[in-house]
Amino acid sequence: MTESPSRVAIVTGAGRGIGAAVARRLASDGFAVALADLDEAAVKAGADAITADGGRAMGVGVDVGDTDSVNAAVATVADELGPPTVLVNNAGITRDNMLFKMSESDWDSVMTVHLRGSFLMSRAAQQHMTQQQWGRIVNLSSTSALGNRGQANYATAKAGLQGFTKTLAIELGKFGVTANAIAPGFIETDMTAATAERVGVPFEDFKKAAAAEIPVRRVGRPADIAGVVSFLVSEDASFVSGQVIYVAGGPRA
């Protein structure tokens, strides 16, 4: 390991929700943070807020499913903040439907963002990590990886990320790079609010119903995920790699 590896992190899907919370937490942990998202205005605003609080951050627009966009974004981060040694692959979308109603576009869009996006981002960032002999990759999976009605595409993508994570851990470990996945349960975000709206249930009722099925009797918050990311990218977690941590208020929620 180099004496002082670059403390620069990239968080995708950082325009809101879990990604925004992770970016704020890593900034508070002392990382310079690149907030990356298709919504460039949102991440620039998020970066400005971190900077106003005394941190170092930048917002960068990126389409994680596009090779040129990914390579350009990672290069920009390396030039402006320094070589990234932490990558949090959080960007994601849902296109829920029952199998017989699911279109090819619904399937392909979810695979592109979650799987292709994590692949492209990891491939671009790992070169900076391996050069410094230190790195951390955290992929956002989901409890849906265990199967979830109406989410054949999303469940498949999230399960695929677990296999991707374990393979990265095997390939990159000798370079001082760890790779782990976090599988959140029900987290209170704009995405879960949109799901409630889609099924025609008031969000507060939706959350109450979910909490009743969770052993700790509450739904999760983005900060719950950010705290686990903070640990996984720390030196304390240097012997933790290839793991999937379910952050769901119970064994599965």
C-alpha atoms as a PDB file:
ATOM      1  CA  MET A   1       0.000   0.000   0.000  1.00  0.00           C
ATOM      2  CA  THR A   2       1.206   3.503  -0.716  1.00  0.00           C
ATOM      3  CA  GLU A   3       2.027   5.587   2.355  1.00  0.00           C
ATOM      4  CA  SER A   4      -0.866   7.942   1.721  1.00  0.00           C
ATOM      5  CA  PRO A   5      -3.489   6.745  -0.765  1.00  0.00           C
ATOM      6  CA  SER A   6      -5.716   9.395  -2.268  1.00  0.00           C
ATOM      7  CA  ARG A   7      -8.872   9.968  -0.210  1.00  0.00           C
ATOM      8  CA  VAL A   8     -11.211  10.621  -3.118  1.00  0.00           C
ATOM      9  CA  ALA A   9     -14.598   8.943  -3.485  1.00  0.00           C
ATOM     10  CA  ILE A  10     -17.106   8.708  -6.317  1.00  0.00           C
ATOM     11  CA  VAL A  11     -20.753   8.057  -5.485  1.00  0.00           C
ATOM     12  CA  THR A  12     -23.130   7.355  -8.367  1.00  0.00           C
ATOM     13  CA  GLY A  13     -26.815   8.111  -8.174  1.00  0.00           C
ATOM     14  CA  ALA A  14     -25.897  10.856  -5.710  1.00  0.00           C
ATOM     15  CA  GLY A  15     -28.565  13.320  -6.797  1.00  0.00           C
ATOM     16  CA  ARG A  16     -30.922  12.243  -4.016  1.00  0.00           C
ATOM     17  CA  GLY A  17     -31.808   9.537  -1.516  1.00  0.00           C
ATOM     18  CA  ILE A  18     -29.218   6.975  -0.504  1.00  0.00           C
ATOM     19  CA  GLY A  19     -26.531   8.321  -2.839  1.00  0.00           C
ATOM     20  CA  ALA A  20     -26.824  11.859  -1.510  1.00  0.00           C
ATOM     21  CA  ALA A  21     -26.671  10.592   2.089  1.00  0.00           C
ATOM     22  CA  VAL A  22     -23.600   8.477   1.334  1.00  0.00           C
ATOM     23  CA  ALA A  23     -21.854  11.447  -0.277  1.00  0.00           C
ATOM     24  CA  ARG A  24     -22.522  13.626   2.772  1.00  0.00           C
ATOM     25  CA  ARG A  25     -21.275  10.927   5.141  1.00  0.00           C
ATOM     26  CA  LEU A  26     -18.070  10.306   3.208  1.00  0.00           C
ATOM     27  CA  ALA A  27     -17.412  14.044   3.094  1.00  0.00           C
ATOM     28  CA  SER A  28     -17.830  14.190   6.865  1.00  0.00           C
ATOM     29  CA  ASP A  29     -15.378  11.280   7.096  1.00  0.00           C
ATOM     30  CA  GLY A  30     -12.789  13.414   5.334  1.00  0.00           C
ATOM     31  CA  PHE A  31     -13.068  12.218   1.756  1.00  0.00           C
ATOM     32  CA  ALA A  32     -13.172  14.535  -1.217  1.00  0.00           C
ATOM     33  CA  VAL A  33     -16.375  13.396  -2.897  1.00  0.00           C
ATOM     34  CA  ALA A  34     -17.524  13.397  -6.505  1.00  0.00           C
ATOM     35  CA  LEU A  35     -21.304  13.215  -6.660  1.00  0.00           C
ATOM     36  CA  ALA A  36     -22.198  11.595  -9.989  1.00  0.00           C
ATOM     37  CA  ASP A  37     -25.654  11.387 -11.508  1.00  0.00           C
ATOM     38  CA  LEU A  38     -27.588  11.785 -14.727  1.00  0.00           C
ATOM     39  CA  ASP A  39     -29.180  14.806 -13.027  1.00  0.00           C
ATOM     40  CA  GLU A  40     -26.175  17.102 -13.147  1.00  0.00           C
ATOM     41  CA  ALA A  41     -27.994  20.046 -11.558  1.00  0.00           C
ATOM     42  CA  ALA A  42     -28.899  17.952  -8.498  1.00  0.00           C
ATOM     43  CA  VAL A  43     -25.355  16.749  -7.854  1.00  0.00           C
ATOM     44  CA  LYS A  44     -23.868  20.182  -8.365  1.00  0.00           C
ATOM     45  CA  ALA A  45     -26.281  21.503  -5.743  1.00  0.00           C
ATOM     46  CA  GLY A  46     -25.334  18.630  -3.440  1.00  0.00           C
ATOM     47  CA  ALA A  47     -21.648  19.318  -3.934  1.00  0.00           C
ATOM     48  CA  ASP A  48     -22.171  23.015  -3.220  1.00  0.00           C
ATOM     49  CA  ALA A  49     -23.884  22.131   0.056  1.00  0.00           C
ATOM     50  CA  ILE A  50     -20.969  19.902   1.089  1.00  0.00           C
ATOM     51  CA  THR A  51     -18.484  22.628   0.173  1.00  0.00           C
ATOM     52  CA  ALA A  52     -20.472  25.184   2.170  1.00  0.00           C
ATOM     53  CA  ASP A  53     -20.114  22.891   5.190  1.00  0.00           C
ATOM     54  CA  GLY A  54     -16.342  22.859   4.794  1.00  0.00           C
ATOM     55  CA  GLY A  55     -15.932  19.711   2.724  1.00  0.00           C
ATOM     56  CA  ARG A  56     -14.401  19.137  -0.690  1.00  0.00           C
ATOM     57  CA  ALA A  57     -16.801  18.020  -3.401  1.00  0.00           C
ATOM     58  CA  MET A  58     -17.796  18.313  -7.013  1.00  0.00           C
ATOM     59  CA  GLY A  59     -20.857  17.354  -8.998  1.00  0.00           C
ATOM     60  CA  VAL A  60     -20.420  15.559 -12.295  1.00  0.00           C
ATOM     61  CA  GLY A  61     -23.012  14.508 -14.830  1.00  0.00           C
ATOM     62  CA  VAL A  62     -22.720  10.918 -16.008  1.00  0.00           C
ATOM     63  CA  ASP A  63     -24.719   8.293 -17.844  1.00  0.00           C
ATOM     64  CA  VAL A  64     -23.410   5.170 -16.114  1.00  0.00           C
ATOM     65  CA  GLY A  65     -24.562   2.987 -18.976  1.00  0.00           C
ATOM     66  CA  ASP A  66     -22.434   4.839 -21.549  1.00  0.00           C
ATOM     67  CA  THR A  67     -18.741   3.992 -21.815  1.00  0.00           C
ATOM     68  CA  ASP A  68     -17.566   7.399 -23.059  1.00  0.00           C
ATOM     69  CA  SER A  69     -19.594   9.238 -20.418  1.00  0.00           C
ATOM     70  CA  VAL A  70     -18.194   7.053 -17.630  1.00  0.00           C
ATOM     71  CA  ASN A  71     -14.595   7.340 -18.770  1.00  0.00           C
ATOM     72  CA  ALA A  72     -14.896  11.108 -19.125  1.00  0.00           C
ATOM     73  CA  ALA A  73     -16.478  11.489 -15.693  1.00  0.00           C
ATOM     74  CA  VAL A  74     -13.825   9.406 -13.914  1.00  0.00           C
ATOM     75  CA  ALA A  75     -11.055  11.274 -15.731  1.00  0.00           C
ATOM     76  CA  THR A  76     -12.584  14.601 -14.695  1.00  0.00           C
ATOM     77  CA  VAL A  77     -12.721  13.499 -11.069  1.00  0.00           C
ATOM     78  CA  ALA A  78      -9.097  12.359 -11.181  1.00  0.00           C
ATOM     79  CA  ASP A  79      -8.015  15.690 -12.663  1.00  0.00           C
ATOM     80  CA  GLU A  80     -10.009  17.919 -10.305  1.00  0.00           C
ATOM     81  CA  LEU A  81     -10.077  16.032  -6.998  1.00  0.00           C
ATOM     82  CA  GLY A  82      -7.374  13.407  -7.371  1.00  0.00           C
ATOM     83  CA  PRO A  83      -7.310   9.704  -8.244  1.00  0.00           C
ATOM     84  CA  PRO A  84     -10.472   8.024  -6.908  1.00  0.00           C
ATOM     85  CA  THR A  85      -9.830   5.181  -4.473  1.00  0.00           C
ATOM     86  CA  VAL A  86     -13.432   4.711  -3.308  1.00  0.00           C
ATOM     87  CA  LEU A  87     -16.360   3.919  -5.589  1.00  0.00           C
ATOM     88  CA  VAL A  88     -19.936   3.499  -4.445  1.00  0.00           C
ATOM     89  CA  ASN A  89     -22.103   2.067  -7.237  1.00  0.00           C
ATOM     90  CA  ASN A  90     -25.508   3.291  -6.129  1.00  0.00           C
ATOM     91  CA  ALA A  91     -27.161   4.467  -9.362  1.00  0.00           C
ATOM     92  CA  GLY A  92     -30.377   2.592  -9.978  1.00  0.00           C
ATOM     93  CA  ILE A  93     -33.846   2.673 -11.478  1.00  0.00           C
ATOM     94  CA  THR A  94     -36.984   0.583 -11.249  1.00  0.00           C
ATOM     95  CA  ARG A  95     -39.281  -0.498 -14.057  1.00  0.00           C
ATOM     96  CA  ASP A  96     -41.587  -2.768 -12.082  1.00  0.00           C
ATOM     97  CA  ASN A  97     -44.146  -5.026 -13.686  1.00  0.00           C
ATOM     98  CA  MET A  98     -45.321  -8.603 -13.671  1.00  0.00           C
ATOM     99  CA  LEU A  99     -43.361 -10.833 -16.017  1.00  0.00           C
ATOM    100  CA  PHE A 100     -46.150 -11.183 -18.582  1.00  0.00           C
ATOM    101  CA  LYS A 101     -46.472  -7.379 -18.765  1.00  0.00           C
ATOM    102  CA  MET A 102     -42.762  -6.531 -18.679  1.00  0.00           C
ATOM    103  CA  SER A 103     -41.359  -5.132 -21.905  1.00  0.00           C
ATOM    104  CA  GLU A 104     -37.892  -5.731 -23.296  1.00  0.00           C
ATOM    105  CA  SER A 105     -37.214  -2.051 -22.696  1.00  0.00           C
ATOM    106  CA  ASP A 106     -38.163  -2.396 -19.016  1.00  0.00           C
ATOM    107  CA  TRP A 107     -35.742  -5.293 -18.697  1.00  0.00           C
ATOM    108  CA  ASP A 108     -32.882  -3.722 -20.641  1.00  0.00           C
ATOM    109  CA  SER A 109     -33.093  -0.333 -18.914  1.00  0.00           C
ATOM    110  CA  VAL A 110     -32.738  -1.855 -15.457  1.00  0.00           C
ATOM    111  CA  MET A 111     -29.872  -4.129 -16.529  1.00  0.00           C
ATOM    112  CA  THR A 112     -28.075  -1.215 -18.166  1.00  0.00           C
ATOM    113  CA  VAL A 113     -28.123   1.064 -15.146  1.00  0.00           C
ATOM    114  CA  HIS A 114     -27.462  -1.495 -12.422  1.00  0.00           C
ATOM    115  CA  LEU A 115     -25.187  -4.056 -14.064  1.00  0.00           C
ATOM    116  CA  ARG A 116     -23.568  -2.354 -17.044  1.00  0.00           C
ATOM    117  CA  GLY A 117     -23.276   0.861 -15.040  1.00  0.00           C
ATOM    118  CA  SER A 118     -21.524  -0.805 -12.113  1.00  0.00           C
ATOM    119  CA  PHE A 119     -19.244  -2.692 -14.513  1.00  0.00           C
ATOM    120  CA  LEU A 120     -18.238   0.423 -16.444  1.00  0.00           C
ATOM    121  CA  MET A 121     -17.701   2.540 -13.338  1.00  0.00           C
ATOM    122  CA  SER A 122     -15.682  -0.178 -11.603  1.00  0.00           C
ATOM    123  CA  ARG A 123     -13.541  -0.802 -14.663  1.00  0.00           C
ATOM    124  CA  ALA A 124     -12.744   2.882 -15.016  1.00  0.00           C
ATOM    125  CA  ALA A 125     -12.056   3.483 -11.319  1.00  0.00           C
ATOM    126  CA  GLN A 126     -10.052   0.352 -10.539  1.00  0.00           C
ATOM    127  CA  GLN A 127      -7.054   1.512 -12.533  1.00  0.00           C
ATOM    128  CA  HIS A 128      -6.583   4.373 -10.069  1.00  0.00           C
ATOM    129  CA  MET A 129      -7.039   2.030  -7.104  1.00  0.00           C
ATOM    130  CA  THR A 130      -4.607  -0.604  -8.338  1.00  0.00           C
ATOM    131  CA  GLN A 131      -1.988   2.049  -9.074  1.00  0.00           C
ATOM    132  CA  GLN A 132      -2.222   3.215  -5.471  1.00  0.00           C
ATOM    133  CA  GLN A 133      -2.465  -0.319  -4.087  1.00  0.00           C
ATOM    134  CA  TRP A 134      -5.535   0.673  -2.080  1.00  0.00           C
ATOM    135  CA  GLY A 135      -9.202   0.908  -2.907  1.00  0.00           C
ATOM    136  CA  ARG A 136     -12.765   0.261  -1.862  1.00  0.00           C
ATOM    137  CA  ILE A 137     -15.724  -0.645  -4.074  1.00  0.00           C
ATOM    138  CA  VAL A 138     -19.200  -0.816  -2.548  1.00  0.00           C
ATOM    139  CA  ASN A 139     -22.109  -1.980  -4.700  1.00  0.00           C
ATOM    140  CA  LEU A 140     -25.729  -1.390  -3.737  1.00  0.00           C
ATOM    141  CA  SER A 141     -27.711  -4.602  -4.012  1.00  0.00           C
ATOM    142  CA  SER A 142     -31.119  -5.095  -2.380  1.00  0.00           C
ATOM    143  CA  THR A 143     -33.211  -7.585  -0.431  1.00  0.00           C
ATOM    144  CA  SER A 144     -35.057  -7.896  -3.755  1.00  0.00           C
ATOM    145  CA  ALA A 145     -32.096 -10.013  -4.883  1.00  0.00           C
ATOM    146  CA  LEU A 146     -33.805 -12.819  -2.977  1.00  0.00           C
ATOM    147  CA  GLY A 147     -36.855 -12.453  -5.217  1.00  0.00           C
ATOM    148  CA  ASN A 148     -39.713  -9.980  -5.234  1.00  0.00           C
ATOM    149  CA  ARG A 149     -43.058 -10.096  -7.006  1.00  0.00           C
ATOM    150  CA  GLY A 150     -43.266  -7.677  -9.911  1.00  0.00           C
ATOM    151  CA  GLN A 151     -39.505  -7.083 -10.002  1.00  0.00           C
ATOM    152  CA  ALA A 152     -38.040  -9.806 -12.204  1.00  0.00           C
ATOM    153  CA  ASN A 153     -35.692  -7.264 -13.802  1.00  0.00           C
ATOM    154  CA  TYR A 154     -34.678  -5.467 -10.592  1.00  0.00           C
ATOM    155  CA  ALA A 155     -34.266  -8.676  -8.577  1.00  0.00           C
ATOM    156  CA  THR A 156     -32.091 -10.180 -11.291  1.00  0.00           C
ATOM    157  CA  ALA A 157     -29.910  -7.081 -11.513  1.00  0.00           C
ATOM    158  CA  LYS A 158     -29.475  -6.867  -7.742  1.00  0.00           C
ATOM    159  CA  ALA A 159     -28.614 -10.563  -7.518  1.00  0.00           C
ATOM    160  CA  GLY A 160     -26.139 -10.099 -10.354  1.00  0.00           C
ATOM    161  CA  LEU A 161     -24.420  -7.343  -8.414  1.00  0.00           C
ATOM    162  CA  GLN A 162     -23.717  -9.793  -5.621  1.00  0.00           C
ATOM    163  CA  GLY A 163     -21.872 -12.121  -7.989  1.00  0.00           C
ATOM    164  CA  PHE A 164     -20.092  -9.143  -9.536  1.00  0.00           C
ATOM    165  CA  THR A 165     -18.992  -8.001  -6.074  1.00  0.00           C
ATOM    166  CA  LYS A 166     -17.559 -11.384  -5.112  1.00  0.00           C
ATOM    167  CA  THR A 167     -15.643 -11.602  -8.386  1.00  0.00           C
ATOM    168  CA  LEU A 168     -14.172  -8.118  -7.937  1.00  0.00           C
ATOM    169  CA  ALA A 169     -13.043  -9.118  -4.456  1.00  0.00           C
ATOM    170  CA  ILE A 170     -11.197 -12.128  -5.894  1.00  0.00           C
ATOM    171  CA  GLU A 171      -9.595 -10.248  -8.787  1.00  0.00           C
ATOM    172  CA  LEU A 172      -8.629  -7.024  -7.017  1.00  0.00           C
ATOM    173  CA  GLY A 173      -7.695  -8.239  -3.547  1.00  0.00           C
ATOM    174  CA  LYS A 174      -3.990  -8.591  -4.343  1.00  0.00           C
ATOM    175  CA  PHE A 175      -3.915  -4.880  -5.177  1.00  0.00           C
ATOM    176  CA  GLY A 176      -5.218  -3.845  -1.764  1.00  0.00           C
ATOM    177  CA  VAL A 177      -8.728  -3.299  -3.120  1.00  0.00           C
ATOM    178  CA  THR A 178     -11.796  -4.658  -1.334  1.00  0.00           C
ATOM    179  CA  ALA A 179     -15.266  -5.054  -2.820  1.00  0.00           C
ATOM    180  CA  ASN A 180     -18.450  -5.494  -0.827  1.00  0.00           C
ATOM    181  CA  ALA A 181     -22.180  -5.139  -1.377  1.00  0.00           C
ATOM    182  CA  ILE A 182     -24.922  -3.691   0.765  1.00  0.00           C
ATOM    183  CA  ALA A 183     -28.450  -5.053   0.363  1.00  0.00           C
ATOM    184  CA  PRO A 184     -30.910  -2.537   1.809  1.00  0.00           C
ATOM    185  CA  GLY A 185     -34.428  -3.434   2.809  1.00  0.00           C
ATOM    186  CA  PHE A 186     -37.200  -0.828   2.778  1.00  0.00           C
ATOM    187  CA  ILE A 187     -35.550   2.601   2.806  1.00  0.00           C
ATOM    188  CA  GLU A 188     -37.581   5.792   2.910  1.00  0.00           C
ATOM    189  CA  THR A 189     -36.652   7.515  -0.372  1.00  0.00           C
ATOM    190  CA  ASP A 190     -38.244   9.129  -3.396  1.00  0.00           C
ATOM    191  CA  MET A 191     -38.075   5.721  -5.080  1.00  0.00           C
ATOM    192  CA  THR A 192     -40.181   3.988  -2.430  1.00  0.00           C
ATOM    193  CA  ALA A 193     -42.540   6.969  -2.399  1.00  0.00           C
ATOM    194  CA  ALA A 194     -42.986   6.524  -6.138  1.00  0.00           C
ATOM    195  CA  THR A 195     -43.747   2.837  -5.608  1.00  0.00           C
ATOM    196  CA  ALA A 196     -46.451   3.738  -3.093  1.00  0.00           C
ATOM    197  CA  GLU A 197     -47.950   6.188  -5.557  1.00  0.00           C
ATOM    198  CA  ARG A 198     -47.870   3.595  -8.322  1.00  0.00           C
ATOM    199  CA  VAL A 199     -49.830   1.094  -6.249  1.00  0.00           C
ATOM    200  CA  GLY A 200     -52.225   3.777  -5.044  1.00  0.00           C
ATOM    201  CA  VAL A 201     -51.344   3.734  -1.332  1.00  0.00           C
ATOM    202  CA  PRO A 202     -50.559   6.879   0.723  1.00  0.00           C
ATOM    203  CA  PHE A 203     -46.848   6.865   1.519  1.00  0.00           C
ATOM    204  CA  GLU A 204     -47.350   7.025   5.291  1.00  0.00           C
ATOM    205  CA  ASP A 205     -49.625   3.974   5.141  1.00  0.00           C
ATOM    206  CA  PHE A 206     -47.141   2.257   2.847  1.00  0.00           C
ATOM    207  CA  LYS A 207     -44.334   2.821   5.367  1.00  0.00           C
ATOM    208  CA  LYS A 208     -46.445   1.665   8.298  1.00  0.00           C
ATOM    209  CA  ALA A 209     -47.312  -1.567   6.507  1.00  0.00           C
ATOM    210  CA  ALA A 210     -43.660  -2.159   5.692  1.00  0.00           C
ATOM    211  CA  ALA A 211     -42.522  -1.404   9.254  1.00  0.00           C
ATOM    212  CA  ALA A 212     -44.987  -3.954  10.631  1.00  0.00           C
ATOM    213  CA  GLU A 213     -43.121  -6.677   8.738  1.00  0.00           C
ATOM    214  CA  ILE A 214     -39.639  -5.561   9.843  1.00  0.00           C
ATOM    215  CA  PRO A 215     -38.258  -7.010  13.098  1.00  0.00           C
ATOM    216  CA  VAL A 216     -36.998  -3.642  14.380  1.00  0.00           C
ATOM    217  CA  ARG A 217     -40.433  -2.164  13.569  1.00  0.00           C
ATOM    218  CA  ARG A 218     -39.338   0.791  11.497  1.00  0.00           C
ATOM    219  CA  VAL A 219     -38.375   1.459   7.906  1.00  0.00           C
ATOM    220  CA  GLY A 220     -34.832   2.363   7.018  1.00  0.00           C
ATOM    221  CA  ARG A 221     -33.359   5.763   6.362  1.00  0.00           C
ATOM    222  CA  PRO A 222     -30.647   6.704   3.844  1.00  0.00           C
ATOM    223  CA  ALA A 223     -28.339   7.436   6.779  1.00  0.00           C
ATOM    224  CA  ASP A 224     -28.599   3.773   7.828  1.00  0.00           C
ATOM    225  CA  ILE A 225     -26.966   2.770   4.555  1.00  0.00           C
ATOM    226  CA  ALA A 226     -24.443   5.612   4.656  1.00  0.00           C
ATOM    227  CA  GLY A 227     -23.183   4.395   8.019  1.00  0.00           C
ATOM    228  CA  VAL A 228     -22.435   0.934   6.661  1.00  0.00           C
ATOM    229  CA  VAL A 229     -20.701   2.398   3.619  1.00  0.00           C
ATOM    230  CA  SER A 230     -18.574   4.494   5.977  1.00  0.00           C
ATOM    231  CA  PHE A 231     -17.384   1.339   7.722  1.00  0.00           C
ATOM    232  CA  LEU A 232     -16.742  -0.651   4.540  1.00  0.00           C
ATOM    233  CA  VAL A 233     -14.512   2.036   3.032  1.00  0.00           C
ATOM    234  CA  SER A 234     -12.536   2.492   6.249  1.00  0.00           C
ATOM    235  CA  GLU A 235      -9.218   0.925   7.181  1.00  0.00           C
ATOM    236  CA  ASP A 236     -11.065  -1.001   9.896  1.00  0.00           C
ATOM    237  CA  ALA A 237     -12.745  -3.013   7.125  1.00  0.00           C
ATOM    238  CA  SER A 238      -9.537  -3.920   5.296  1.00  0.00           C
ATOM    239  CA  PHE A 239     -10.111  -7.652   5.969  1.00  0.00           C
ATOM    240  CA  VAL A 240     -13.758  -7.571   4.871  1.00  0.00           C
ATOM    241  CA  SER A 241     -14.182  -8.318   1.184  1.00  0.00           C
ATOM    242  CA  GLY A 242     -16.604 -10.150  -1.076  1.00  0.00           C
ATOM    243  CA  GLN A 243     -19.400  -9.848   1.473  1.00  0.00           C
ATOM    244  CA  VAL A 244     -23.077  -8.961   1.101  1.00  0.00           C
ATOM    245  CA  ILE A 245     -24.440  -7.129   4.137  1.00  0.00           C
ATOM    246  CA  TYR A 246     -28.211  -7.021   4.468  1.00  0.00           C
ATOM    247  CA  VAL A 247     -29.201  -3.722   6.064  1.00  0.00           C
ATOM    248  CA  ALA A 248     -32.888  -4.380   6.465  1.00  0.00           C
ATOM    249  CA  GLY A 249     -33.834  -4.282  10.125  1.00  0.00           C
ATOM    250  CA  GLY A 250     -33.754  -8.064  10.294  1.00  0.00           C
ATOM    251  CA  PRO A 251     -32.479 -11.131   8.414  1.00  0.00           C
ATOM    252  CA  ARG A 252     -34.651 -10.098   5.494  1.00  0.00           C
ATOM    253  CA  ALA A 253     -37.270  -7.392   5.185  1.00  0.00           C
END
